[in-house]
Amino acid sequence: MALDAAIGNAKWKANANSAGWIAGLNKSQKPIVAAAIAQRGTMQTKFTAATAPGGTWERHLSAVGDGGIKAAAAAKATNFDTGIEQGAGNQLKALTKIVAYEVANLPTIYAMAKGTRAASKARQNAWLDIMADAAGTLSAKD
């Protein structure tokens, strides 16, 4: 049988899908995380070389230019919209926690003195402390 690019492309399109990729990944017995961690030194060396002045990162960015960046972004606009849609539930979950926390703590601020610079600073500092106390607890994660 002769090689045919169109036949190869058709087979690839028929078989390349996320379900097959996930199934293959789940069947793998390779230590994915350990292998990645073992390559840390190589990654750091290559990253340092790539990001050095005149390195591949700089050269590729310069070659593409602002117009290329903008064109690539426009070509991927659907991916952006898909990501927004997929992340909307987590954004709502986090925002719901944040708003509830703020609403619960606003009476503390409302009860504080007003009308002077010192009072404004006190309210600002109190709000900063209230929000800092919640650091790490208001994300979409449970």
N, C-alpha and C. Protein backbone atom coordinates (compact mmCIF):
# COMPACT_ATOMS: atom_id res chain seq x y z
N MET A 1 0.85 -1.18 0.00
CA MET A 1 0.00 0.00 0.00
C MET A 1 0.89 1.24 0.00
N ALA A 2 0.59 2.17 -0.85
CA ALA A 2 1.36 3.40 -0.96
C ALA A 2 1.01 4.34 0.18
N LEU A 3 1.97 5.14 0.57
CA LEU A 3 1.72 6.14 1.59
C LEU A 3 0.83 7.23 1.00
N ASP A 4 -0.14 7.65 1.77
CA ASP A 4 -1.06 8.69 1.31
C ASP A 4 -1.32 9.64 2.47
N ALA A 5 -0.93 10.89 2.29
CA ALA A 5 -1.09 11.87 3.36
C ALA A 5 -2.55 12.06 3.73
N ALA A 6 -3.43 12.05 2.76
CA ALA A 6 -4.85 12.26 3.04
C ALA A 6 -5.41 11.12 3.88
N ILE A 7 -5.00 9.88 3.58
CA ILE A 7 -5.46 8.73 4.37
C ILE A 7 -4.91 8.82 5.79
N GLY A 8 -3.63 9.17 5.90
CA GLY A 8 -3.04 9.32 7.23
C GLY A 8 -3.73 10.41 8.03
N ASN A 9 -4.03 11.52 7.36
CA ASN A 9 -4.72 12.61 8.03
C ASN A 9 -6.11 12.19 8.48
N ALA A 10 -6.82 11.47 7.64
CA ALA A 10 -8.17 11.01 7.98
C ALA A 10 -8.14 10.07 9.18
N LYS A 11 -7.16 9.17 9.22
CA LYS A 11 -7.03 8.25 10.36
C LYS A 11 -6.70 9.02 11.63
N TRP A 12 -5.82 10.00 11.50
CA TRP A 12 -5.46 10.80 12.68
C TRP A 12 -6.68 11.53 13.21
N LYS A 13 -7.45 12.16 12.32
CA LYS A 13 -8.64 12.89 12.75
C LYS A 13 -9.66 11.96 13.39
N ALA A 14 -9.78 10.74 12.87
CA ALA A 14 -10.75 9.79 13.40
C ALA A 14 -10.33 9.26 14.77
N ASN A 15 -9.03 9.19 15.01
CA ASN A 15 -8.56 8.56 16.24
C ASN A 15 -8.00 9.53 17.27
N ALA A 16 -7.74 10.76 16.89
CA ALA A 16 -7.18 11.74 17.83
C ALA A 16 -8.33 12.47 18.50
N ASN A 17 -8.59 12.09 19.73
CA ASN A 17 -9.66 12.74 20.49
C ASN A 17 -9.32 12.70 21.96
N SER A 18 -9.98 13.53 22.72
CA SER A 18 -9.65 13.62 24.14
C SER A 18 -9.95 12.33 24.89
N ALA A 19 -11.00 11.60 24.50
CA ALA A 19 -11.33 10.35 25.19
C ALA A 19 -10.21 9.33 25.01
N GLY A 20 -9.70 9.22 23.79
CA GLY A 20 -8.59 8.29 23.54
C GLY A 20 -7.33 8.71 24.26
N TRP A 21 -7.08 10.01 24.29
CA TRP A 21 -5.89 10.52 24.97
C TRP A 21 -5.97 10.23 26.47
N ILE A 22 -7.13 10.49 27.07
CA ILE A 22 -7.30 10.23 28.51
C ILE A 22 -7.21 8.74 28.79
N ALA A 23 -7.80 7.90 27.93
CA ALA A 23 -7.72 6.44 28.14
C ALA A 23 -6.27 5.99 28.11
N GLY A 24 -5.50 6.49 27.13
CA GLY A 24 -4.08 6.13 27.05
C GLY A 24 -3.31 6.60 28.26
N LEU A 25 -3.60 7.79 28.70
CA LEU A 25 -2.94 8.34 29.89
C LEU A 25 -3.25 7.48 31.11
N ASN A 26 -4.50 7.10 31.28
CA ASN A 26 -4.90 6.29 32.43
C ASN A 26 -4.30 4.89 32.40
N LYS A 27 -4.03 4.34 31.20
CA LYS A 27 -3.42 3.01 31.09
C LYS A 27 -1.93 3.04 31.37
N SER A 28 -1.32 4.20 31.27
CA SER A 28 0.12 4.32 31.42
C SER A 28 0.56 3.96 32.84
N GLN A 29 1.63 3.22 32.92
CA GLN A 29 2.22 2.88 34.22
C GLN A 29 3.48 3.71 34.49
N LYS A 30 3.78 4.65 33.60
CA LYS A 30 4.97 5.47 33.78
C LYS A 30 4.78 6.45 34.93
N PRO A 31 5.84 6.69 35.70
CA PRO A 31 5.76 7.65 36.81
C PRO A 31 5.83 9.09 36.27
N ILE A 32 4.71 9.65 35.91
CA ILE A 32 4.67 10.95 35.23
C ILE A 32 5.27 12.05 36.09
N VAL A 33 4.81 12.17 37.33
CA VAL A 33 5.27 13.25 38.19
C VAL A 33 6.75 13.06 38.56
N ALA A 34 7.12 11.86 38.93
CA ALA A 34 8.52 11.61 39.30
C ALA A 34 9.45 11.87 38.13
N ALA A 35 9.05 11.50 36.93
CA ALA A 35 9.87 11.73 35.74
C ALA A 35 10.02 13.23 35.48
N ALA A 36 8.94 13.97 35.65
CA ALA A 36 9.01 15.42 35.45
C ALA A 36 9.93 16.06 36.47
N ILE A 37 9.80 15.67 37.72
CA ILE A 37 10.65 16.22 38.78
C ILE A 37 12.12 15.87 38.53
N ALA A 38 12.37 14.66 38.04
CA ALA A 38 13.74 14.23 37.76
C ALA A 38 14.39 15.08 36.68
N GLN A 39 13.60 15.72 35.84
CA GLN A 39 14.12 16.55 34.76
C GLN A 39 14.26 18.03 35.15
N ARG A 40 14.07 18.34 36.43
CA ARG A 40 14.13 19.73 36.89
C ARG A 40 15.41 20.43 36.46
N GLY A 41 16.55 19.80 36.67
CA GLY A 41 17.83 20.42 36.33
C GLY A 41 17.92 20.77 34.85
N THR A 42 17.49 19.84 34.01
CA THR A 42 17.49 20.09 32.57
C THR A 42 16.57 21.26 32.23
N MET A 43 15.39 21.27 32.82
CA MET A 43 14.43 22.35 32.57
C MET A 43 15.01 23.69 32.99
N GLN A 44 15.63 23.74 34.16
CA GLN A 44 16.18 25.00 34.65
C GLN A 44 17.33 25.49 33.78
N THR A 45 18.18 24.56 33.35
CA THR A 45 19.29 24.93 32.48
C THR A 45 18.78 25.49 31.16
N LYS A 46 17.82 24.79 30.57
CA LYS A 46 17.27 25.24 29.28
C LYS A 46 16.50 26.55 29.44
N PHE A 47 15.80 26.70 30.54
CA PHE A 47 15.05 27.95 30.78
C PHE A 47 16.02 29.12 30.91
N THR A 48 17.08 28.93 31.66
CA THR A 48 18.07 29.99 31.85
C THR A 48 18.68 30.39 30.51
N ALA A 49 19.02 29.40 29.71
CA ALA A 49 19.61 29.70 28.40
C ALA A 49 18.59 30.39 27.49
N ALA A 50 17.36 29.94 27.50
CA ALA A 50 16.33 30.50 26.61
C ALA A 50 16.00 31.93 26.98
N THR A 51 16.01 32.25 28.27
CA THR A 51 15.60 33.59 28.70
C THR A 51 16.77 34.56 28.88
N ALA A 52 17.97 34.10 28.63
CA ALA A 52 19.14 35.00 28.69
C ALA A 52 19.02 36.03 27.56
N PRO A 53 19.63 37.20 27.72
CA PRO A 53 19.60 38.19 26.64
C PRO A 53 20.07 37.55 25.32
N GLY A 54 19.27 37.71 24.28
CA GLY A 54 19.59 37.13 22.98
C GLY A 54 19.21 35.66 22.86
N GLY A 55 18.60 35.10 23.91
CA GLY A 55 18.20 33.69 23.90
C GLY A 55 17.00 33.43 23.00
N THR A 56 16.62 32.17 22.90
CA THR A 56 15.55 31.79 21.98
C THR A 56 14.24 32.49 22.30
N TRP A 57 13.94 32.69 23.57
CA TRP A 57 12.69 33.38 23.95
C TRP A 57 12.65 34.78 23.35
N GLU A 58 13.72 35.53 23.55
CA GLU A 58 13.80 36.90 23.02
C GLU A 58 13.78 36.91 21.49
N ARG A 59 14.54 36.02 20.89
CA ARG A 59 14.60 35.98 19.43
C ARG A 59 13.25 35.63 18.82
N HIS A 60 12.57 34.66 19.40
CA HIS A 60 11.25 34.28 18.86
C HIS A 60 10.21 35.38 19.05
N LEU A 61 10.23 36.00 20.21
CA LEU A 61 9.30 37.13 20.42
C LEU A 61 9.57 38.25 19.42
N SER A 62 10.83 38.57 19.24
CA SER A 62 11.17 39.64 18.30
C SER A 62 10.78 39.28 16.88
N ALA A 63 10.93 38.03 16.52
CA ALA A 63 10.58 37.59 15.16
C ALA A 63 9.07 37.68 14.92
N VAL A 64 8.29 37.34 15.92
CA VAL A 64 6.84 37.37 15.78
C VAL A 64 6.31 38.79 15.84
N GLY A 65 6.83 39.58 16.75
CA GLY A 65 6.40 40.97 16.88
C GLY A 65 5.01 41.11 17.48
N ASP A 66 4.65 42.35 17.75
CA ASP A 66 3.34 42.63 18.34
C ASP A 66 2.20 42.18 17.43
N GLY A 67 2.38 42.39 16.12
CA GLY A 67 1.34 41.98 15.17
C GLY A 67 1.11 40.48 15.21
N GLY A 68 2.18 39.72 15.30
CA GLY A 68 2.05 38.26 15.37
C GLY A 68 1.36 37.81 16.65
N ILE A 69 1.69 38.46 17.76
CA ILE A 69 1.04 38.14 19.03
C ILE A 69 -0.45 38.40 18.93
N LYS A 70 -0.80 39.56 18.36
CA LYS A 70 -2.22 39.93 18.24
C LYS A 70 -2.96 38.99 17.30
N ALA A 71 -2.33 38.60 16.20
CA ALA A 71 -2.96 37.68 15.25
C ALA A 71 -3.16 36.31 15.89
N ALA A 72 -2.16 35.84 16.63
CA ALA A 72 -2.29 34.54 17.30
C ALA A 72 -3.39 34.57 18.35
N ALA A 73 -3.48 35.68 19.07
CA ALA A 73 -4.54 35.82 20.08
C ALA A 73 -5.91 35.80 19.42
N ALA A 74 -6.04 36.51 18.31
CA ALA A 74 -7.33 36.53 17.60
C ALA A 74 -7.69 35.13 17.12
N ALA A 75 -6.70 34.38 16.66
CA ALA A 75 -6.95 33.02 16.17
C ALA A 75 -7.38 32.08 17.30
N LYS A 76 -7.00 32.40 18.50
CA LYS A 76 -7.33 31.55 19.66
C LYS A 76 -8.48 32.10 20.49
N ALA A 77 -9.19 33.09 19.99
CA ALA A 77 -10.25 33.75 20.76
C ALA A 77 -11.30 32.75 21.24
N THR A 78 -11.60 31.75 20.45
CA THR A 78 -12.59 30.75 20.86
C THR A 78 -12.12 29.99 22.10
N ASN A 79 -10.82 29.71 22.17
CA ASN A 79 -10.29 29.04 23.36
C ASN A 79 -10.50 29.89 24.60
N PHE A 80 -10.31 31.20 24.46
CA PHE A 80 -10.52 32.11 25.58
C PHE A 80 -11.96 32.02 26.05
N ASP A 81 -12.90 32.10 25.10
CA ASP A 81 -14.32 32.02 25.44
C ASP A 81 -14.66 30.68 26.09
N THR A 82 -14.06 29.61 25.59
CA THR A 82 -14.30 28.28 26.17
C THR A 82 -13.79 28.24 27.61
N GLY A 83 -12.62 28.81 27.84
CA GLY A 83 -12.06 28.84 29.19
C GLY A 83 -12.92 29.64 30.15
N ILE A 84 -13.44 30.76 29.67
CA ILE A 84 -14.33 31.57 30.51
C ILE A 84 -15.56 30.75 30.89
N GLU A 85 -16.13 30.09 29.91
CA GLU A 85 -17.33 29.28 30.17
C GLU A 85 -17.02 28.15 31.14
N GLN A 86 -15.89 27.48 30.94
CA GLN A 86 -15.53 26.37 31.82
C GLN A 86 -15.19 26.83 33.23
N GLY A 87 -14.66 28.04 33.36
CA GLY A 87 -14.29 28.55 34.68
C GLY A 87 -15.39 29.30 35.40
N ALA A 88 -16.52 29.53 34.72
CA ALA A 88 -17.58 30.35 35.31
C ALA A 88 -18.11 29.77 36.62
N GLY A 89 -18.23 28.48 36.71
CA GLY A 89 -18.74 27.86 37.94
C GLY A 89 -17.81 28.10 39.11
N ASN A 90 -16.51 27.93 38.89
CA ASN A 90 -15.54 28.18 39.97
C ASN A 90 -15.47 29.65 40.33
N GLN A 91 -15.59 30.53 39.33
CA GLN A 91 -15.59 31.96 39.61
C GLN A 91 -16.78 32.32 40.46
N LEU A 92 -17.95 31.78 40.13
CA LEU A 92 -19.15 32.05 40.91
C LEU A 92 -19.01 31.51 42.34
N LYS A 93 -18.45 30.32 42.47
CA LYS A 93 -18.27 29.72 43.79
C LYS A 93 -17.36 30.59 44.66
N ALA A 94 -16.24 31.05 44.09
CA ALA A 94 -15.32 31.90 44.85
C ALA A 94 -15.95 33.26 45.15
N LEU A 95 -16.60 33.85 44.16
CA LEU A 95 -17.21 35.16 44.36
C LEU A 95 -18.32 35.10 45.41
N THR A 96 -19.05 34.01 45.43
CA THR A 96 -20.11 33.84 46.43
C THR A 96 -19.51 33.83 47.84
N LYS A 97 -18.39 33.13 48.01
CA LYS A 97 -17.71 33.11 49.31
C LYS A 97 -17.19 34.50 49.69
N ILE A 98 -16.60 35.17 48.73
CA ILE A 98 -16.03 36.50 49.00
C ILE A 98 -17.12 37.48 49.41
N VAL A 99 -18.19 37.52 48.64
CA VAL A 99 -19.27 38.47 48.93
C VAL A 99 -19.89 38.16 50.29
N ALA A 100 -20.12 36.89 50.57
CA ALA A 100 -20.71 36.52 51.87
C ALA A 100 -19.78 36.95 53.02
N TYR A 101 -18.49 36.74 52.85
CA TYR A 101 -17.52 37.13 53.88
C TYR A 101 -17.52 38.65 54.07
N GLU A 102 -17.52 39.37 52.95
CA GLU A 102 -17.51 40.83 53.06
C GLU A 102 -18.80 41.35 53.71
N VAL A 103 -19.94 40.81 53.28
CA VAL A 103 -21.22 41.25 53.85
C VAL A 103 -21.25 40.96 55.35
N ALA A 104 -20.73 39.82 55.76
CA ALA A 104 -20.72 39.47 57.18
C ALA A 104 -19.83 40.40 58.00
N ASN A 105 -18.80 40.95 57.37
CA ASN A 105 -17.84 41.78 58.10
C ASN A 105 -18.06 43.29 57.94
N LEU A 106 -18.89 43.69 57.01
CA LEU A 106 -19.14 45.12 56.83
C LEU A 106 -19.74 45.80 58.06
N PRO A 107 -20.61 45.14 58.84
CA PRO A 107 -21.13 45.82 60.03
C PRO A 107 -20.04 46.30 60.99
N THR A 108 -18.94 45.57 61.05
CA THR A 108 -17.81 45.99 61.88
C THR A 108 -17.28 47.34 61.39
N ILE A 109 -17.14 47.47 60.09
CA ILE A 109 -16.62 48.72 59.52
C ILE A 109 -17.66 49.84 59.67
N TYR A 110 -18.93 49.52 59.39
CA TYR A 110 -19.98 50.54 59.50
C TYR A 110 -20.11 51.09 60.91
N ALA A 111 -19.79 50.28 61.90
CA ALA A 111 -19.92 50.70 63.30
C ALA A 111 -18.76 51.59 63.76
N MET A 112 -17.74 51.67 62.97
CA MET A 112 -16.56 52.46 63.37
C MET A 112 -16.79 53.95 63.12
N ALA A 113 -16.01 54.74 63.82
CA ALA A 113 -16.11 56.21 63.69
C ALA A 113 -15.82 56.63 62.26
N LYS A 114 -16.42 57.77 61.88
CA LYS A 114 -16.24 58.33 60.54
C LYS A 114 -15.97 59.82 60.66
N GLY A 115 -15.52 60.41 59.55
CA GLY A 115 -15.44 61.85 59.47
C GLY A 115 -14.08 62.46 59.67
N THR A 116 -13.12 61.68 60.08
CA THR A 116 -11.77 62.24 60.24
C THR A 116 -10.78 61.36 59.48
N ARG A 117 -9.64 61.95 59.27
CA ARG A 117 -8.60 61.18 58.60
C ARG A 117 -8.20 59.96 59.44
N ALA A 118 -8.08 60.13 60.73
CA ALA A 118 -7.72 59.03 61.63
C ALA A 118 -8.78 57.92 61.58
N ALA A 119 -10.05 58.33 61.54
CA ALA A 119 -11.13 57.35 61.47
C ALA A 119 -11.08 56.59 60.15
N SER A 120 -10.79 57.30 59.06
CA SER A 120 -10.68 56.65 57.75
C SER A 120 -9.54 55.63 57.74
N LYS A 121 -8.41 56.03 58.33
CA LYS A 121 -7.28 55.11 58.40
C LYS A 121 -7.62 53.90 59.26
N ALA A 122 -8.32 54.12 60.34
CA ALA A 122 -8.71 53.00 61.22
C ALA A 122 -9.62 52.03 60.48
N ARG A 123 -10.60 52.58 59.72
CA ARG A 123 -11.50 51.71 58.95
C ARG A 123 -10.73 50.95 57.86
N GLN A 124 -9.81 51.64 57.19
CA GLN A 124 -8.99 50.97 56.17
C GLN A 124 -8.17 49.84 56.77
N ASN A 125 -7.54 50.11 57.90
CA ASN A 125 -6.72 49.09 58.54
C ASN A 125 -7.57 47.93 59.04
N ALA A 126 -8.75 48.23 59.55
CA ALA A 126 -9.63 47.16 60.03
C ALA A 126 -10.05 46.28 58.86
N TRP A 127 -10.39 46.92 57.73
CA TRP A 127 -10.81 46.14 56.55
C TRP A 127 -9.64 45.30 56.04
N LEU A 128 -8.45 45.87 56.03
CA LEU A 128 -7.26 45.13 55.61
C LEU A 128 -7.06 43.91 56.51
N ASP A 129 -7.20 44.08 57.80
CA ASP A 129 -7.05 42.95 58.73
C ASP A 129 -8.13 41.90 58.50
N ILE A 130 -9.36 42.34 58.29
CA ILE A 130 -10.47 41.40 58.05
C ILE A 130 -10.18 40.57 56.80
N MET A 131 -9.76 41.24 55.73
CA MET A 131 -9.50 40.52 54.48
C MET A 131 -8.26 39.63 54.61
N ALA A 132 -7.24 40.10 55.31
CA ALA A 132 -6.03 39.29 55.50
C ALA A 132 -6.33 38.03 56.30
N ASP A 133 -7.25 38.13 57.25
CA ASP A 133 -7.63 36.96 58.04
C ASP A 133 -8.26 35.87 57.18
N ALA A 134 -8.81 36.26 56.04
CA ALA A 134 -9.46 35.29 55.16
C ALA A 134 -8.54 34.77 54.08
N ALA A 135 -7.30 35.24 54.03
CA ALA A 135 -6.38 34.83 52.98
C ALA A 135 -6.32 33.31 52.86
N GLY A 136 -6.48 32.84 51.65
CA GLY A 136 -6.41 31.40 51.38
C GLY A 136 -7.69 30.64 51.65
N THR A 137 -8.73 31.32 52.10
CA THR A 137 -9.97 30.61 52.43
C THR A 137 -11.12 30.97 51.50
N LEU A 138 -10.95 31.91 50.61
CA LEU A 138 -12.05 32.39 49.79
C LEU A 138 -11.96 31.97 48.33
N SER A 139 -11.20 30.94 48.04
CA SER A 139 -11.09 30.48 46.67
C SER A 139 -12.26 29.55 46.33
N ALA A 140 -12.29 29.07 45.11
CA ALA A 140 -13.33 28.13 44.69
C ALA A 140 -13.11 26.75 45.31
N LYS A 141 -11.91 26.51 45.84
CA LYS A 141 -11.64 25.23 46.47
C LYS A 141 -12.38 25.14 47.79
N ASP A 142 -12.83 23.96 48.12
CA ASP A 142 -13.57 23.79 49.39
C ASP A 142 -12.66 23.82 50.58
